[in-house]
Amino acid sequence: MTLTPRPQAEYRHAYKAFRAIGTRWSDNDLYGHVNNVVYYSWFDTAVNGLLIERRALDIHAGSVIGLVVETQCNYFSPLAFPEPVVAGIRVAHIGASSVRYEVALFAADESLPCAAKGHFIHVYVDRATRRPAVLPPELLSVLELLK
């Protein structure tokens, strides 16, 4: 039996782009830290915000939309309101119609490793038919910068 190595926290230098995320009072759970489900929302917010900001994705009128088909997260240390969070983003794989994004969440202290890291895979589909579509050139150019 081959054991998979335990995931390790990474530092900021392993990521290509960054987005600030504000925590909210409602993000904390009864245990006094951000609830695990919020991390997935932050992954989606960080990646889509970056793509919109860089004009690689038009969520209202673009010909393609990204559908999440897989997601995963490893947790290393807690985050809590009112602590600011920074999401580090990189692209691990670009397919014909899919992208694997990797995202790490960092506390404000730049010397610390990530508090959590994970990935999600978008399959880009035609807005009308919901069938897989080739990645548009404006999206591909941004994705290449994140590899």
C-alpha atoms as a PDB file:
ATOM      1  CA  MET A   1       0.000   0.000   0.000  1.00  0.00           C
ATOM      2  CA  THR A   2       1.353   3.411  -1.019  1.00  0.00           C
ATOM      3  CA  LEU A   3       0.606   6.234   1.382  1.00  0.00           C
ATOM      4  CA  THR A   4      -0.105   9.673   0.019  1.00  0.00           C
ATOM      5  CA  PRO A   5       2.093  12.285   1.690  1.00  0.00           C
ATOM      6  CA  ARG A   6       0.267  14.603   4.039  1.00  0.00           C
ATOM      7  CA  PRO A   7      -0.375  18.026   2.438  1.00  0.00           C
ATOM      8  CA  GLN A   8       1.904  20.783   3.704  1.00  0.00           C
ATOM      9  CA  ALA A   9       1.217  24.467   4.206  1.00  0.00           C
ATOM     10  CA  GLU A  10       2.957  26.678   1.645  1.00  0.00           C
ATOM     11  CA  TYR A  11       4.263  30.234   1.661  1.00  0.00           C
ATOM     12  CA  ARG A  12       3.206  33.159  -0.501  1.00  0.00           C
ATOM     13  CA  HIS A  13       6.080  32.826  -2.957  1.00  0.00           C
ATOM     14  CA  ALA A  14       4.449  29.643  -4.326  1.00  0.00           C
ATOM     15  CA  TYR A  15       1.520  31.663  -5.757  1.00  0.00           C
ATOM     16  CA  LYS A  16       1.306  34.007  -8.747  1.00  0.00           C
ATOM     17  CA  ALA A  17      -1.495  36.447  -7.887  1.00  0.00           C
ATOM     18  CA  PHE A  18      -3.151  37.709  -4.707  1.00  0.00           C
ATOM     19  CA  ARG A  19      -6.531  39.085  -3.681  1.00  0.00           C
ATOM     20  CA  ALA A  20      -7.529  40.558  -0.351  1.00  0.00           C
ATOM     21  CA  ILE A  21     -10.626  39.132   1.315  1.00  0.00           C
ATOM     22  CA  GLY A  22     -12.401  40.789   4.218  1.00  0.00           C
ATOM     23  CA  THR A  23     -13.762  38.545   6.931  1.00  0.00           C
ATOM     24  CA  ARG A  24     -17.246  39.132   8.318  1.00  0.00           C
ATOM     25  CA  TRP A  25     -18.709  38.545  11.763  1.00  0.00           C
ATOM     26  CA  SER A  26     -20.997  35.901  10.259  1.00  0.00           C
ATOM     27  CA  ASP A  27     -18.004  33.929   8.900  1.00  0.00           C
ATOM     28  CA  ASN A  28     -17.108  32.756  12.420  1.00  0.00           C
ATOM     29  CA  ASP A  29     -18.786  29.671  13.799  1.00  0.00           C
ATOM     30  CA  LEU A  30     -19.544  28.681  17.393  1.00  0.00           C
ATOM     31  CA  TYR A  31     -15.928  27.574  17.864  1.00  0.00           C
ATOM     32  CA  GLY A  32     -14.658  31.108  17.278  1.00  0.00           C
ATOM     33  CA  HIS A  33     -13.047  30.646  13.869  1.00  0.00           C
ATOM     34  CA  VAL A  34     -14.131  30.864  10.248  1.00  0.00           C
ATOM     35  CA  ASN A  35     -16.374  27.943   9.354  1.00  0.00           C
ATOM     36  CA  ASN A  36     -14.965  25.520   6.799  1.00  0.00           C
ATOM     37  CA  VAL A  37     -17.691  26.160   4.231  1.00  0.00           C
ATOM     38  CA  VAL A  38     -16.624  29.828   3.976  1.00  0.00           C
ATOM     39  CA  TYR A  39     -13.196  28.809   2.642  1.00  0.00           C
ATOM     40  CA  TYR A  40     -14.808  27.375  -0.495  1.00  0.00           C
ATOM     41  CA  SER A  41     -16.665  30.627  -1.075  1.00  0.00           C
ATOM     42  CA  TRP A  42     -13.383  32.526  -0.726  1.00  0.00           C
ATOM     43  CA  PHE A  43     -11.720  30.271  -3.330  1.00  0.00           C
ATOM     44  CA  ASP A  44     -14.492  31.016  -5.817  1.00  0.00           C
ATOM     45  CA  THR A  45     -14.522  34.736  -4.984  1.00  0.00           C
ATOM     46  CA  ALA A  46     -10.745  35.086  -5.328  1.00  0.00           C
ATOM     47  CA  VAL A  47     -10.474  33.335  -8.697  1.00  0.00           C
ATOM     48  CA  ASN A  48     -13.562  34.848 -10.315  1.00  0.00           C
ATOM     49  CA  GLY A  49     -12.729  38.306  -8.977  1.00  0.00           C
ATOM     50  CA  LEU A  50      -9.258  38.078 -10.484  1.00  0.00           C
ATOM     51  CA  LEU A  51     -10.573  36.872 -13.856  1.00  0.00           C
ATOM     52  CA  ILE A  52     -13.183  39.644 -13.983  1.00  0.00           C
ATOM     53  CA  GLU A  53     -10.641  42.282 -12.923  1.00  0.00           C
ATOM     54  CA  ARG A  54      -8.240  41.174 -15.680  1.00  0.00           C
ATOM     55  CA  ARG A  55     -11.063  41.139 -18.261  1.00  0.00           C
ATOM     56  CA  ALA A  56     -10.664  37.433 -18.888  1.00  0.00           C
ATOM     57  CA  LEU A  57     -14.243  36.619 -17.916  1.00  0.00           C
ATOM     58  CA  ASP A  58     -17.502  38.461 -18.532  1.00  0.00           C
ATOM     59  CA  ILE A  59     -19.989  36.914 -16.099  1.00  0.00           C
ATOM     60  CA  HIS A  60     -22.970  38.776 -17.590  1.00  0.00           C
ATOM     61  CA  ALA A  61     -22.489  38.628 -21.355  1.00  0.00           C
ATOM     62  CA  GLY A  62     -19.544  36.329 -22.104  1.00  0.00           C
ATOM     63  CA  SER A  63     -19.998  33.335 -24.378  1.00  0.00           C
ATOM     64  CA  VAL A  64     -18.614  30.906 -21.765  1.00  0.00           C
ATOM     65  CA  ILE A  65     -19.155  30.360 -18.049  1.00  0.00           C
ATOM     66  CA  GLY A  66     -17.122  28.283 -15.619  1.00  0.00           C
ATOM     67  CA  LEU A  67     -18.845  25.450 -13.752  1.00  0.00           C
ATOM     68  CA  VAL A  68     -17.139  23.941 -10.719  1.00  0.00           C
ATOM     69  CA  VAL A  69     -16.820  20.162 -11.120  1.00  0.00           C
ATOM     70  CA  GLU A  70     -14.365  19.392  -8.302  1.00  0.00           C
ATOM     71  CA  THR A  71     -13.165  21.095  -5.152  1.00  0.00           C
ATOM     72  CA  GLN A  72     -10.978  20.213  -2.171  1.00  0.00           C
ATOM     73  CA  CYS A  73      -9.377  21.956   0.814  1.00  0.00           C
ATOM     74  CA  ASN A  74      -6.757  21.189   3.471  1.00  0.00           C
ATOM     75  CA  TYR A  75      -6.784  23.200   6.695  1.00  0.00           C
ATOM     76  CA  PHE A  76      -3.605  23.995   8.642  1.00  0.00           C
ATOM     77  CA  SER A  77      -4.471  26.786  11.087  1.00  0.00           C
ATOM     78  CA  PRO A  78      -7.597  28.764  11.967  1.00  0.00           C
ATOM     79  CA  LEU A  79      -8.637  32.140  10.597  1.00  0.00           C
ATOM     80  CA  ALA A  80     -11.141  34.360  12.410  1.00  0.00           C
ATOM     81  CA  PHE A  81     -13.033  37.633  12.138  1.00  0.00           C
ATOM     82  CA  PRO A  82     -11.862  40.446  12.117  1.00  0.00           C
ATOM     83  CA  GLU A  83      -8.584  39.165  10.694  1.00  0.00           C
ATOM     84  CA  PRO A  84      -7.943  40.169   7.068  1.00  0.00           C
ATOM     85  CA  VAL A  85      -7.228  37.291   4.692  1.00  0.00           C
ATOM     86  CA  VAL A  86      -5.230  37.160   1.463  1.00  0.00           C
ATOM     87  CA  ALA A  87      -5.889  34.535  -1.206  1.00  0.00           C
ATOM     88  CA  GLY A  88      -2.934  33.342  -3.275  1.00  0.00           C
ATOM     89  CA  ILE A  89      -3.877  31.977  -6.700  1.00  0.00           C
ATOM     90  CA  ARG A  90      -2.090  29.845  -9.274  1.00  0.00           C
ATOM     91  CA  VAL A  91      -3.072  27.613 -12.177  1.00  0.00           C
ATOM     92  CA  ALA A  92      -1.900  24.004 -12.019  1.00  0.00           C
ATOM     93  CA  HIS A  93      -3.386  22.726 -15.290  1.00  0.00           C
ATOM     94  CA  ILE A  94      -5.025  24.120 -18.404  1.00  0.00           C
ATOM     95  CA  GLY A  95      -7.042  21.755 -20.579  1.00  0.00           C
ATOM     96  CA  ALA A  96      -9.052  22.371 -23.735  1.00  0.00           C
ATOM     97  CA  SER A  97     -12.129  23.433 -21.738  1.00  0.00           C
ATOM     98  CA  SER A  98     -11.033  23.071 -18.108  1.00  0.00           C
ATOM     99  CA  VAL A  99      -8.721  24.721 -15.589  1.00  0.00           C
ATOM    100  CA  ARG A 100      -7.425  23.546 -12.230  1.00  0.00           C
ATOM    101  CA  TYR A 101      -6.970  26.530  -9.925  1.00  0.00           C
ATOM    102  CA  GLU A 102      -5.024  26.221  -6.689  1.00  0.00           C
ATOM    103  CA  VAL A 103      -5.745  28.703  -3.933  1.00  0.00           C
ATOM    104  CA  ALA A 104      -4.119  29.303  -0.558  1.00  0.00           C
ATOM    105  CA  LEU A 105      -5.546  31.464   2.213  1.00  0.00           C
ATOM    106  CA  PHE A 106      -3.123  33.489   4.292  1.00  0.00           C
ATOM    107  CA  ALA A 107      -3.474  35.499   7.485  1.00  0.00           C
ATOM    108  CA  ALA A 108      -2.329  39.115   7.322  1.00  0.00           C
ATOM    109  CA  ASP A 109       1.112  38.233   8.746  1.00  0.00           C
ATOM    110  CA  GLU A 110       3.236  37.780   5.596  1.00  0.00           C
ATOM    111  CA  SER A 111       5.787  35.574   7.344  1.00  0.00           C
ATOM    112  CA  LEU A 112       3.295  32.781   8.098  1.00  0.00           C
ATOM    113  CA  PRO A 113       2.516  29.833   5.826  1.00  0.00           C
ATOM    114  CA  CYS A 114      -1.014  29.461   4.496  1.00  0.00           C
ATOM    115  CA  ALA A 115      -3.839  28.657   6.886  1.00  0.00           C
ATOM    116  CA  ALA A 116      -5.533  26.541   4.207  1.00  0.00           C
ATOM    117  CA  LYS A 117      -5.000  25.506   0.618  1.00  0.00           C
ATOM    118  CA  GLY A 118      -7.079  23.743  -1.914  1.00  0.00           C
ATOM    119  CA  HIS A 119      -8.140  23.556  -5.495  1.00  0.00           C
ATOM    120  CA  PHE A 120     -11.132  23.634  -7.713  1.00  0.00           C
ATOM    121  CA  ILE A 121     -11.660  22.733 -11.320  1.00  0.00           C
ATOM    122  CA  HIS A 122     -13.749  24.830 -13.655  1.00  0.00           C
ATOM    123  CA  VAL A 123     -15.093  23.335 -16.850  1.00  0.00           C
ATOM    124  CA  TYR A 124     -15.914  26.193 -19.172  1.00  0.00           C
ATOM    125  CA  VAL A 125     -19.142  25.684 -21.060  1.00  0.00           C
ATOM    126  CA  ASP A 126     -21.156  27.533 -23.664  1.00  0.00           C
ATOM    127  CA  ARG A 127     -23.531  29.860 -21.828  1.00  0.00           C
ATOM    128  CA  ALA A 128     -26.576  28.732 -23.834  1.00  0.00           C
ATOM    129  CA  THR A 129     -26.002  25.011 -24.375  1.00  0.00           C
ATOM    130  CA  ARG A 130     -24.003  24.207 -21.199  1.00  0.00           C
ATOM    131  CA  ARG A 131     -21.729  22.005 -23.336  1.00  0.00           C
ATOM    132  CA  PRO A 132     -17.921  22.191 -22.888  1.00  0.00           C
ATOM    133  CA  ALA A 133     -16.374  25.040 -24.860  1.00  0.00           C
ATOM    134  CA  VAL A 134     -12.833  25.843 -25.923  1.00  0.00           C
ATOM    135  CA  LEU A 135     -11.216  28.382 -23.599  1.00  0.00           C
ATOM    136  CA  PRO A 136     -11.412  31.871 -25.154  1.00  0.00           C
ATOM    137  CA  PRO A 137      -8.083  33.570 -26.024  1.00  0.00           C
ATOM    138  CA  GLU A 138      -8.566  36.376 -23.457  1.00  0.00           C
ATOM    139  CA  LEU A 139      -9.032  33.783 -20.713  1.00  0.00           C
ATOM    140  CA  LEU A 140      -6.105  31.656 -21.894  1.00  0.00           C
ATOM    141  CA  SER A 141      -3.729  34.621 -21.853  1.00  0.00           C
ATOM    142  CA  VAL A 142      -4.517  35.341 -18.187  1.00  0.00           C
ATOM    143  CA  LEU A 143      -4.369  31.670 -17.208  1.00  0.00           C
ATOM    144  CA  GLU A 144      -0.888  31.321 -18.715  1.00  0.00           C
ATOM    145  CA  LEU A 145       0.343  34.153 -16.464  1.00  0.00           C
ATOM    146  CA  LEU A 146      -0.915  32.232 -13.417  1.00  0.00           C
ATOM    147  CA  LYS A 147       0.961  28.975 -14.218  1.00  0.00           C
END
